[in-house]
Protein backbone atom coordinates (compact mmCIF):
# COMPACT_ATOMS: atom_id res chain seq x y z
CA MET A 1 89.02 -6.26 169.32
CA THR A 2 88.15 -6.51 165.66
CA SER A 3 91.01 -7.49 163.38
CA LEU A 4 91.54 -5.01 160.58
CA HIS A 5 93.76 -6.67 158.00
CA GLN A 6 95.36 -3.92 155.95
CA ASP A 7 96.42 -4.39 152.37
CA ALA A 8 100.20 -4.01 152.03
CA SER A 9 99.53 -1.23 149.51
CA ALA A 10 97.38 0.77 151.97
CA VAL A 11 98.73 4.24 152.60
CA PHE A 12 98.08 6.26 155.74
CA ARG A 13 98.73 9.87 156.65
CA ARG A 14 98.74 11.72 159.92
CA ASN A 15 95.65 13.75 160.70
CA PRO A 16 96.73 17.31 159.80
CA LYS A 17 94.62 18.75 162.64
CA LEU A 18 96.57 17.03 165.42
CA ALA A 19 99.55 18.29 167.36
CA TRP A 20 102.50 16.00 168.06
CA ARG A 21 106.05 16.10 169.29
CA GLU A 22 108.86 13.62 169.71
CA ILE A 23 110.35 13.57 173.20
CA ASP A 24 113.30 11.28 174.01
CA GLY A 25 112.56 9.07 171.00
CA GLU A 26 108.87 8.65 171.77
CA VAL A 27 105.99 10.40 170.05
CA VAL A 28 103.35 12.28 172.02
CA ILE A 29 100.14 13.18 170.16
CA ILE A 30 97.21 15.37 171.16
CA SER A 31 94.07 14.20 169.36
CA PRO A 32 92.21 16.91 167.47
CA ASP A 33 88.69 15.94 168.50
CA ASP A 34 88.96 15.63 172.27
CA SER A 35 92.43 16.95 173.22
CA VAL A 36 93.42 13.57 174.66
CA LEU A 37 97.14 12.94 175.06
CA HIS A 38 98.45 9.75 173.41
CA GLU A 39 101.95 8.49 174.17
CA LEU A 40 103.47 6.01 171.71
CA ASN A 41 106.17 3.61 172.82
CA GLU A 42 109.48 3.43 170.95
CA THR A 43 108.27 0.87 168.41
CA ALA A 44 104.96 2.63 167.71
CA SER A 45 106.91 5.89 167.41
CA ALA A 46 109.10 4.28 164.73
CA VAL A 47 105.97 3.37 162.77
CA TRP A 48 104.59 6.91 163.23
CA ARG A 49 107.79 8.46 161.85
CA HIS A 50 107.46 6.38 158.66
CA ILE A 51 103.83 7.30 158.01
CA ASP A 52 103.97 10.12 155.49
CA GLY A 53 100.90 9.71 153.26
CA LYS A 54 103.05 8.24 150.48
CA LEU A 55 104.78 5.10 151.77
CA PRO A 56 102.62 1.95 151.57
CA LEU A 57 102.14 -0.06 154.76
CA GLY A 58 104.04 -3.00 153.26
CA GLU A 59 107.15 -0.87 152.77
CA ILE A 60 106.97 0.38 156.35
CA VAL A 61 106.72 -3.23 157.54
CA LYS A 62 109.76 -4.29 155.47
CA THR A 63 111.83 -1.36 156.71
CA LEU A 64 110.98 -1.99 160.36
CA ALA A 65 111.53 -5.75 160.06
CA GLU A 66 115.03 -5.07 158.72
CA THR A 67 115.76 -2.35 161.29
CA TYR A 68 114.68 -4.47 164.26
CA ASP A 69 115.78 -7.83 162.76
CA ALA A 70 112.29 -9.18 163.38
CA PRO A 71 110.06 -11.58 161.40
CA VAL A 72 108.01 -9.74 158.75
CA GLU A 73 104.83 -11.53 159.86
CA THR A 74 105.22 -10.29 163.44
CA VAL A 75 105.99 -6.73 162.38
CA GLN A 76 103.09 -6.78 159.91
CA ALA A 77 100.62 -7.87 162.60
CA ASP A 78 101.87 -5.17 164.99
CA VAL A 79 101.84 -2.42 162.37
CA GLU A 80 98.35 -3.38 161.19
CA GLU A 81 97.05 -3.36 164.76
CA LEU A 82 98.63 0.04 165.44
CA ALA A 83 97.29 1.51 162.18
CA ALA A 84 93.79 0.27 163.01
CA ASP A 85 94.01 1.67 166.54
CA LEU A 86 95.30 5.08 165.46
CA THR A 87 92.75 5.26 162.64
CA ALA A 88 89.94 4.47 165.09
CA LYS A 89 91.18 7.34 167.27
CA ASN A 90 91.23 9.67 164.22
CA LEU A 91 95.00 10.16 164.53
CA LEU A 92 95.66 8.51 161.16
CA LEU A 93 93.66 8.90 157.98
CA THR A 94 93.73 6.67 154.93
CA SER A 95 95.27 8.16 151.83
CA GLU A 96 93.60 5.75 149.42
CA GLY A 97 92.08 7.38 146.41
CA GLU A 98 94.26 10.48 146.74
CA GLY A 99 97.06 11.51 144.47
């Protein structure tokens, strides 16, 4: 898997074409292109809830590191990997250059 190192100032937004719901604390997403169901675990769901098209990735990492009392470096690596994966699946879009 290719490593996609995100800048801490990178901002992502949810694809407005997708459908998603939160069920028992976990997010379930239906991708807009192929109607595939994606289930996020509790931690990935926490990241998803923070992605709003305004909050930079670095702020999401700091918030989650504090919430879960985890090392920033570990959270950053996990969040970057998730953002890259969800972007590749067209579930997240970059918000760079907007505003």
